[in-house]
Each structure stands twice: as C-alpha cells, then as structure tokens.
C-alpha cells in the first residue's frame, strides 16, 4: 500500500510540476486521456490548432500516420523533444 501511495503522490507532484513550469500554464492535465490512441488523437488536435497557417484542412489519417511514425522512430524522449521543437522553434515533416 505504501508503494502505491508513494507512486500516486509522485504522479500528482509530477503533474503539478508540469502544469506550472516557470509559473506559466504550459501543460494541461486531461484525465480523460487514458490510452495511447487518445494521446495521439490529442496530439493531432494540438498540431492542427497550432498550425492553421500551414494546414488548410485537418491532417488525413495517412498524413498523421507519417507524423506518428516519424516521432515513434526517435530513440529517446530527448530526441523527440529536439525534433518537436525544431530549428528556431519550428519543426517540419516531409
């Protein structure tokens, strides 16, 4: 029981930290996201709303599958972060 309590406490602290990094709300915890598919769907939604100047329509399943594959093939979370941040804050997919 102690391990479970400690793990839940750690999870709560991590979520609080991520939501409040640098005193700004950079992350939003969405408790309804419970699966990888839901996480990818949320990422697709964020990608589309943050890039209206580049996307004239929502990404197709095939297009987003390319994005998902590109990210999934990165070998570490650090490399994924580098890729997503991109050059001068802009990342592109070919």
Protein backbone atom coordinates (compact mmCIF):
# COMPACT_ATOMS: atom_id res chain seq x y z
CA UNK A 1 0.00 0.00 0.00
CA UNK A 2 2.88 2.37 0.76
CA UNK A 3 4.39 1.91 -2.69
CA UNK A 4 1.03 2.62 -4.33
CA UNK A 5 0.52 5.71 -2.17
CA UNK A 6 4.04 6.93 -2.90
CA UNK A 7 3.59 6.35 -6.63
CA UNK A 8 0.27 8.23 -6.69
CA UNK A 9 1.83 11.05 -4.68
CA UNK A 10 4.76 11.19 -7.12
CA UNK A 11 2.35 11.23 -10.07
CA UNK A 12 0.36 14.09 -8.53
CA UNK A 13 3.54 16.07 -7.85
CA UNK A 14 4.83 15.49 -11.39
CA UNK A 15 1.53 16.60 -12.94
CA UNK A 16 1.50 19.71 -10.74
CA UNK A 17 5.10 20.49 -11.73
CA UNK A 18 4.48 20.06 -15.46
CA UNK A 19 1.31 22.15 -15.38
CA UNK A 20 3.12 25.01 -13.62
CA UNK A 21 6.63 25.05 -15.15
CA UNK A 22 8.11 28.52 -14.91
CA UNK A 23 4.94 29.94 -13.39
CA UNK A 24 3.09 29.58 -16.68
CA UNK A 25 0.44 27.09 -17.68
CA UNK A 26 2.28 25.20 -20.40
CA UNK A 27 0.58 21.86 -19.92
CA UNK A 28 -2.96 20.82 -19.20
CA UNK A 29 -3.68 17.54 -17.47
CA UNK A 30 -6.58 15.79 -19.20
CA UNK A 31 -7.70 12.91 -17.03
CA UNK A 32 -9.92 11.55 -19.81
CA UNK A 33 -6.85 10.63 -21.87
CA UNK A 34 -6.26 7.04 -20.80
CA UNK A 35 -4.86 5.27 -23.88
CA UNK A 36 -2.11 5.75 -26.45
CA UNK A 37 -4.73 6.23 -29.16
CA UNK A 38 -6.36 9.03 -27.15
CA UNK A 39 -2.94 10.60 -26.56
CA UNK A 40 -2.13 10.56 -30.30
CA UNK A 41 -5.58 11.97 -31.13
CA UNK A 42 -4.98 14.82 -28.67
CA UNK A 43 -1.55 15.46 -30.18
CA UNK A 44 -3.11 15.57 -33.67
CA UNK A 45 -5.68 18.08 -32.43
CA UNK A 46 -2.97 20.28 -30.87
CA UNK A 47 -0.85 20.05 -34.02
CA UNK A 48 -3.78 21.16 -36.16
CA UNK A 49 -4.87 24.08 -33.96
CA UNK A 50 -1.29 25.36 -33.58
CA UNK A 51 -0.58 25.31 -37.33
CA UNK A 52 -3.53 26.97 -39.11
CA UNK A 53 -1.15 28.88 -41.39
CA UNK A 54 0.36 25.61 -42.68
CA UNK A 55 -2.71 23.37 -42.68
CA UNK A 56 -5.73 24.28 -44.78
CA UNK A 57 -7.62 21.23 -43.51
CA UNK A 58 -7.24 18.58 -40.81
CA UNK A 59 -4.49 16.03 -41.40
CA UNK A 60 -5.72 12.86 -43.07
CA UNK A 61 -5.19 9.50 -41.36
CA UNK A 62 -2.35 8.79 -43.78
CA UNK A 63 -0.68 12.15 -43.18
CA UNK A 64 -0.89 11.84 -39.41
CA UNK A 65 0.36 8.25 -39.59
CA UNK A 66 3.54 9.68 -41.15
CA UNK A 67 3.89 12.14 -38.25
CA UNK A 68 3.28 9.37 -35.73
CA UNK A 69 5.82 7.08 -37.41
CA UNK A 70 8.44 9.83 -37.55
CA UNK A 71 8.06 10.54 -33.82
CA UNK A 72 7.83 6.85 -32.85
CA UNK A 73 11.10 6.09 -34.64
CA UNK A 74 13.07 8.54 -32.49
CA UNK A 75 15.16 6.63 -29.97
CA UNK A 76 14.86 8.81 -26.85
CA UNK A 77 12.41 11.32 -25.36
CA UNK A 78 15.23 13.88 -25.65
CA UNK A 79 15.47 13.34 -29.42
CA UNK A 80 11.69 13.52 -29.68
CA UNK A 81 11.77 16.86 -27.86
CA UNK A 82 14.51 18.15 -30.17
CA UNK A 83 12.53 17.04 -33.20
CA UNK A 84 9.26 18.55 -31.99
CA UNK A 85 10.90 21.84 -31.01
CA UNK A 86 12.64 22.00 -34.37
CA UNK A 87 15.01 24.62 -35.70
CA UNK A 88 14.28 28.03 -34.18
CA UNK A 89 11.06 26.68 -32.71
CA UNK A 90 9.75 25.27 -35.99
CA UNK A 91 9.60 21.63 -36.96
CA UNK A 92 8.54 20.33 -40.35
CA UNK A 93 7.52 16.94 -41.66
CA UNK A 94 8.37 15.83 -45.18
